[in-house]
Amino acid sequence: MTVTGLPHKIPDSPDAVTAHRATPHFQNYLSQIGDLAERATFVLNPVSAT
């Protein structure tokens, strides 16, 4: 799943979230915004608009 406006795939399972949080990308993000990254996690499933 790719969300409009975001340049990367959003993790959609607990294992994927854990793996994503271990990436250099997320570690850099976390170092810049502190604990907000941990408090504002949303894993959503797409819905049909038709």
N, C-alpha and C. Protein backbone atom coordinates (compact mmCIF):
# COMPACT_ATOMS: atom_id res chain seq x y z
N MET A 1 0.84 -1.18 0.00
CA MET A 1 0.00 0.00 0.00
C MET A 1 0.88 1.23 0.00
N THR A 2 0.59 2.19 -0.85
CA THR A 2 1.29 3.47 -0.86
C THR A 2 0.26 4.57 -0.64
N VAL A 3 0.54 5.44 0.29
CA VAL A 3 -0.37 6.54 0.60
C VAL A 3 0.07 7.77 -0.17
N THR A 4 -0.89 8.45 -0.79
CA THR A 4 -0.59 9.65 -1.56
C THR A 4 0.15 10.67 -0.69
N GLY A 5 1.20 11.23 -1.22
CA GLY A 5 1.96 12.23 -0.51
C GLY A 5 3.14 11.67 0.28
N LEU A 6 3.21 10.37 0.42
CA LEU A 6 4.33 9.77 1.12
C LEU A 6 5.23 9.05 0.13
N PRO A 7 6.54 9.18 0.30
CA PRO A 7 7.46 8.59 -0.67
C PRO A 7 7.78 7.12 -0.45
N HIS A 8 7.22 6.52 0.60
CA HIS A 8 7.59 5.14 0.89
C HIS A 8 6.37 4.33 1.31
N LYS A 9 6.53 3.02 1.25
CA LYS A 9 5.46 2.10 1.65
C LYS A 9 5.29 2.15 3.16
N ILE A 10 4.06 2.17 3.62
CA ILE A 10 3.75 2.18 5.04
C ILE A 10 3.68 0.74 5.54
N PRO A 11 4.39 0.42 6.63
CA PRO A 11 4.31 -0.93 7.18
C PRO A 11 2.89 -1.26 7.61
N ASP A 12 2.42 -2.48 7.33
CA ASP A 12 1.04 -2.80 7.65
C ASP A 12 0.88 -4.08 8.47
N SER A 13 1.93 -4.50 9.16
CA SER A 13 1.84 -5.64 10.08
C SER A 13 2.78 -5.36 11.25
N PRO A 14 2.56 -6.00 12.39
CA PRO A 14 3.46 -5.77 13.54
C PRO A 14 4.93 -6.05 13.21
N ASP A 15 5.21 -7.11 12.46
CA ASP A 15 6.60 -7.41 12.09
C ASP A 15 7.17 -6.34 11.16
N ALA A 16 6.35 -5.85 10.25
CA ALA A 16 6.81 -4.81 9.33
C ALA A 16 7.08 -3.50 10.08
N VAL A 17 6.23 -3.19 11.05
CA VAL A 17 6.44 -1.98 11.86
C VAL A 17 7.76 -2.09 12.62
N THR A 18 8.00 -3.23 13.24
CA THR A 18 9.24 -3.45 13.98
C THR A 18 10.45 -3.33 13.05
N ALA A 19 10.37 -3.95 11.88
CA ALA A 19 11.48 -3.87 10.92
C ALA A 19 11.69 -2.44 10.45
N HIS A 20 10.61 -1.72 10.19
CA HIS A 20 10.73 -0.33 9.74
C HIS A 20 11.39 0.54 10.81
N ARG A 21 11.03 0.33 12.06
CA ARG A 21 11.61 1.12 13.15
C ARG A 21 13.10 0.87 13.33
N ALA A 22 13.59 -0.25 12.81
CA ALA A 22 15.02 -0.57 12.91
C ALA A 22 15.83 0.02 11.75
N THR A 23 15.16 0.61 10.75
CA THR A 23 15.87 1.13 9.58
C THR A 23 16.58 2.44 9.90
N PRO A 24 17.66 2.74 9.18
CA PRO A 24 18.33 4.04 9.35
C PRO A 24 17.36 5.21 9.12
N HIS A 25 16.45 5.07 8.16
CA HIS A 25 15.47 6.12 7.87
C HIS A 25 14.66 6.46 9.13
N PHE A 26 14.10 5.45 9.78
CA PHE A 26 13.27 5.70 10.96
C PHE A 26 14.12 6.18 12.13
N GLN A 27 15.31 5.62 12.30
CA GLN A 27 16.17 6.05 13.40
C GLN A 27 16.54 7.53 13.25
N ASN A 28 16.79 7.97 12.02
CA ASN A 28 17.07 9.38 11.77
C ASN A 28 15.84 10.23 12.08
N TYR A 29 14.70 9.80 11.61
CA TYR A 29 13.43 10.48 11.89
C TYR A 29 13.20 10.58 13.40
N LEU A 30 13.38 9.49 14.11
CA LEU A 30 13.17 9.45 15.55
C LEU A 30 14.12 10.41 16.26
N SER A 31 15.36 10.48 15.80
CA SER A 31 16.33 11.37 16.45
C SER A 31 15.97 12.83 16.27
N GLN A 32 15.21 13.14 15.22
CA GLN A 32 14.83 14.52 14.95
C GLN A 32 13.55 14.95 15.64
N ILE A 33 12.64 14.03 15.87
CA ILE A 33 11.36 14.44 16.46
C ILE A 33 11.10 13.84 17.83
N GLY A 34 12.02 13.07 18.36
CA GLY A 34 11.87 12.54 19.71
C GLY A 34 10.74 11.54 19.83
N ASP A 35 10.10 11.52 21.00
CA ASP A 35 9.10 10.48 21.26
C ASP A 35 7.79 10.68 20.52
N LEU A 36 7.60 11.78 19.81
CA LEU A 36 6.40 11.96 19.00
C LEU A 36 6.24 10.83 18.00
N ALA A 37 7.35 10.32 17.47
CA ALA A 37 7.30 9.22 16.49
C ALA A 37 6.68 7.97 17.10
N GLU A 38 6.88 7.75 18.37
CA GLU A 38 6.32 6.58 19.03
C GLU A 38 4.87 6.80 19.43
N ARG A 39 4.47 8.02 19.70
CA ARG A 39 3.11 8.30 20.16
C ARG A 39 2.12 8.47 19.01
N ALA A 40 2.59 8.67 17.81
CA ALA A 40 1.70 8.98 16.70
C ALA A 40 1.75 7.93 15.59
N THR A 41 1.75 6.67 15.97
CA THR A 41 1.79 5.59 15.00
C THR A 41 0.38 5.16 14.65
N PHE A 42 0.07 5.16 13.35
CA PHE A 42 -1.24 4.73 12.88
C PHE A 42 -1.04 3.71 11.77
N VAL A 43 -1.58 2.54 11.94
CA VAL A 43 -1.57 1.52 10.89
C VAL A 43 -3.00 1.39 10.41
N LEU A 44 -3.23 1.76 9.17
CA LEU A 44 -4.57 1.80 8.61
C LEU A 44 -4.72 0.83 7.45
N ASN A 45 -5.92 0.36 7.24
CA ASN A 45 -6.23 -0.47 6.08
C ASN A 45 -7.02 0.37 5.09
N PRO A 46 -6.71 0.27 3.80
CA PRO A 46 -7.45 1.05 2.81
C PRO A 46 -8.90 0.59 2.71
N VAL A 47 -9.76 1.51 2.36
CA VAL A 47 -11.17 1.19 2.12
C VAL A 47 -11.52 1.57 0.69
N SER A 48 -12.50 0.92 0.14
CA SER A 48 -12.92 1.22 -1.22
C SER A 48 -13.78 2.47 -1.23
N ALA A 49 -13.55 3.34 -2.19
CA ALA A 49 -14.33 4.56 -2.32
C ALA A 49 -15.48 4.39 -3.31
N THR A 50 -15.62 3.19 -3.83
CA THR A 50 -16.69 2.96 -4.81
C THR A 50 -17.80 2.13 -4.24
